[in-house]
């Protein structure tokens, strides 16, 4: 799923390491069980209930930056942009659990308020990279094995 522009800048040993760990320990089966059991959707549900989805009408500046980032790296999958009321400077990506859902990127209000457009573009591109390279899979293994993952923040 990784766009060609992202593959050019990816640290190749990172991708190889993740793939070899999943193959060696059968981690994909654990992730699939976690998703199919419905435990993975609780974080998404909580996030959707507590955050504001940004649209071009509500936030033309951020949505324009986001669209520029997506175009620059050739990322075409559906992604929704959210903001959470939090004074810290942070962001996170939430990979879609199924093909019928969009991926989600969330920014804290502190990041939106205090970062420049260039800084926000960097953060948005970084979060898109997490989605493109399936970094969520390693987090899901942790949550699935933990038993309390649905109650924790990413």
Protein backbone atom coordinates (compact mmCIF):
# COMPACT_ATOMS: atom_id res chain seq x y z
CA UNK A 1 0.00 0.00 0.00
CA UNK A 2 3.01 2.29 0.38
CA UNK A 3 3.15 5.01 -2.26
CA UNK A 4 6.38 5.06 -4.28
CA UNK A 5 7.41 8.46 -2.90
CA UNK A 6 7.30 7.08 0.65
CA UNK A 7 9.22 3.92 -0.21
CA UNK A 8 12.10 6.11 -1.41
CA UNK A 9 12.54 7.59 2.08
CA UNK A 10 11.62 4.59 4.22
CA UNK A 11 14.29 3.08 6.44
CA UNK A 12 14.27 -0.33 4.78
CA UNK A 13 15.52 -2.39 7.77
CA UNK A 14 12.48 -1.19 9.78
CA UNK A 15 10.05 -2.69 7.28
CA UNK A 16 12.04 -5.89 7.01
CA UNK A 17 12.19 -6.25 10.79
CA UNK A 18 8.43 -5.81 11.23
CA UNK A 19 7.70 -8.28 8.44
CA UNK A 20 10.11 -10.88 9.83
CA UNK A 21 8.69 -10.58 13.37
CA UNK A 22 5.14 -11.03 12.10
CA UNK A 23 6.13 -14.05 10.03
CA UNK A 24 8.30 -15.69 12.71
CA UNK A 25 5.78 -15.39 15.55
CA UNK A 26 2.51 -15.61 13.61
CA UNK A 27 1.50 -12.15 14.79
CA UNK A 28 -0.87 -11.49 11.89
CA UNK A 29 -3.25 -14.12 13.28
CA UNK A 30 -3.24 -12.36 16.65
CA UNK A 31 -3.98 -9.00 15.00
CA UNK A 32 -6.79 -10.49 12.90
CA UNK A 33 -8.37 -12.09 15.97
CA UNK A 34 -8.16 -8.76 17.82
CA UNK A 35 -9.88 -6.96 14.94
CA UNK A 36 -12.55 -9.63 14.30
CA UNK A 37 -13.38 -9.86 18.01
CA UNK A 38 -14.41 -6.19 17.96
CA UNK A 39 -11.89 -5.14 20.58
CA UNK A 40 -10.04 -2.93 18.09
CA UNK A 41 -13.13 -0.84 17.37
CA UNK A 42 -13.52 0.50 20.92
CA UNK A 43 -10.64 2.96 20.50
CA UNK A 44 -12.10 4.19 17.22
CA UNK A 45 -15.56 4.58 18.78
CA UNK A 46 -14.18 6.51 21.74
CA UNK A 47 -12.18 8.77 19.45
CA UNK A 48 -15.14 9.51 17.22
CA UNK A 49 -17.25 10.40 20.27
CA UNK A 50 -14.72 12.83 21.75
CA UNK A 51 -13.10 14.59 18.79
CA UNK A 52 -14.13 17.03 16.09
CA UNK A 53 -13.86 15.99 12.46
CA UNK A 54 -12.29 18.71 10.36
CA UNK A 55 -13.73 19.50 6.95
CA UNK A 56 -12.75 22.08 4.35
CA UNK A 57 -15.65 24.23 5.53
CA UNK A 58 -14.66 24.09 9.22
CA UNK A 59 -10.91 24.30 8.75
CA UNK A 60 -9.82 25.25 5.24
CA UNK A 61 -6.20 25.88 6.31
CA UNK A 62 -5.63 22.46 7.88
CA UNK A 63 -7.53 20.58 5.21
CA UNK A 64 -5.52 22.35 2.51
CA UNK A 65 -2.25 21.44 4.24
CA UNK A 66 -3.46 17.87 4.58
CA UNK A 67 -4.44 17.64 0.91
CA UNK A 68 -1.03 19.01 -0.11
CA UNK A 69 0.72 16.38 2.03
CA UNK A 70 -1.36 13.58 0.55
CA UNK A 71 -0.63 14.78 -2.98
CA UNK A 72 3.11 15.18 -2.30
CA UNK A 73 3.50 11.54 -1.24
CA UNK A 74 0.84 10.09 -3.54
CA UNK A 75 -1.39 8.84 -0.73
CA UNK A 76 -4.85 8.12 -2.14
CA UNK A 77 -6.58 6.02 0.54
CA UNK A 78 -9.46 7.67 2.37
CA UNK A 79 -8.37 9.53 5.51
CA UNK A 80 -10.39 11.74 7.83
CA UNK A 81 -8.76 14.52 9.85
CA UNK A 82 -9.76 15.19 13.48
CA UNK A 83 -8.78 17.50 16.31
CA UNK A 84 -8.95 16.72 20.02
CA UNK A 85 -9.12 19.32 22.79
CA UNK A 86 -5.70 18.84 24.38
CA UNK A 87 -3.09 21.50 25.17
CA UNK A 88 -0.15 19.20 24.43
CA UNK A 89 1.51 19.13 21.03
CA UNK A 90 0.80 15.71 19.60
CA UNK A 91 -0.83 13.74 16.80
CA UNK A 92 -1.69 10.14 16.03
CA UNK A 93 -2.84 7.94 13.21
CA UNK A 94 -5.51 5.28 13.46
CA UNK A 95 -5.48 2.72 10.67
CA UNK A 96 -8.84 1.65 9.27
CA UNK A 97 -9.95 -1.69 10.69
CA UNK A 98 -11.71 -2.56 7.42
CA UNK A 99 -11.89 -1.42 3.82
CA UNK A 100 -15.25 0.22 4.50
CA UNK A 101 -13.77 2.67 7.05
CA UNK A 102 -11.45 5.60 6.48
CA UNK A 103 -8.10 5.93 8.20
CA UNK A 104 -7.99 8.68 10.81
CA UNK A 105 -5.39 11.26 11.69
CA UNK A 106 -5.91 13.33 14.82
CA UNK A 107 -4.11 16.47 15.91
CA UNK A 108 -4.26 18.00 19.35
CA UNK A 109 -5.61 21.54 19.61
CA UNK A 110 -2.26 22.51 21.15
CA UNK A 111 -0.46 21.42 17.98
CA UNK A 112 -2.90 23.30 15.76
CA UNK A 113 -2.63 26.46 17.86
CA UNK A 114 1.16 26.57 18.26
CA UNK A 115 2.67 24.97 15.17
CA UNK A 116 3.47 26.70 11.90
CA UNK A 117 2.07 25.45 8.61
CA UNK A 118 5.43 23.83 7.78
CA UNK A 119 5.51 22.05 11.13
CA UNK A 120 1.93 20.85 10.75
CA UNK A 121 2.69 19.62 7.23
CA UNK A 122 5.60 17.62 8.60
CA UNK A 123 3.42 16.10 11.33
CA UNK A 124 0.63 15.26 8.88
CA UNK A 125 3.12 13.62 6.49
CA UNK A 126 4.64 11.67 9.39
CA UNK A 127 1.22 10.36 10.44
CA UNK A 128 0.40 9.40 6.84
CA UNK A 129 3.64 7.42 6.86
CA UNK A 130 2.44 5.47 9.89
CA UNK A 131 -0.69 4.50 7.97
CA UNK A 132 1.12 3.73 4.71
CA UNK A 133 3.65 1.46 6.42
CA UNK A 134 1.12 -0.34 8.61
CA UNK A 135 2.81 0.67 11.87
CA UNK A 136 -0.51 0.13 13.62
CA UNK A 137 0.03 -3.63 13.38
CA UNK A 138 2.76 -3.61 16.01
CA UNK A 139 0.53 -1.55 18.34
CA UNK A 140 -2.37 -3.92 17.82
CA UNK A 141 -0.23 -6.89 18.85
CA UNK A 142 0.58 -5.07 22.07
CA UNK A 143 -3.09 -4.25 22.71
CA UNK A 144 -4.28 -7.75 21.81
CA UNK A 145 -1.82 -9.43 24.16
CA UNK A 146 -2.30 -6.89 26.95
CA UNK A 147 -6.00 -7.56 27.55
CA UNK A 148 -6.49 -3.97 28.59
CA UNK A 149 -5.61 -2.44 25.23
CA UNK A 150 -9.09 -1.14 24.60
CA UNK A 151 -8.79 1.11 27.65
CA UNK A 152 -5.38 2.59 26.80
CA UNK A 153 -4.38 5.55 24.67
CA UNK A 154 -2.12 5.08 21.66
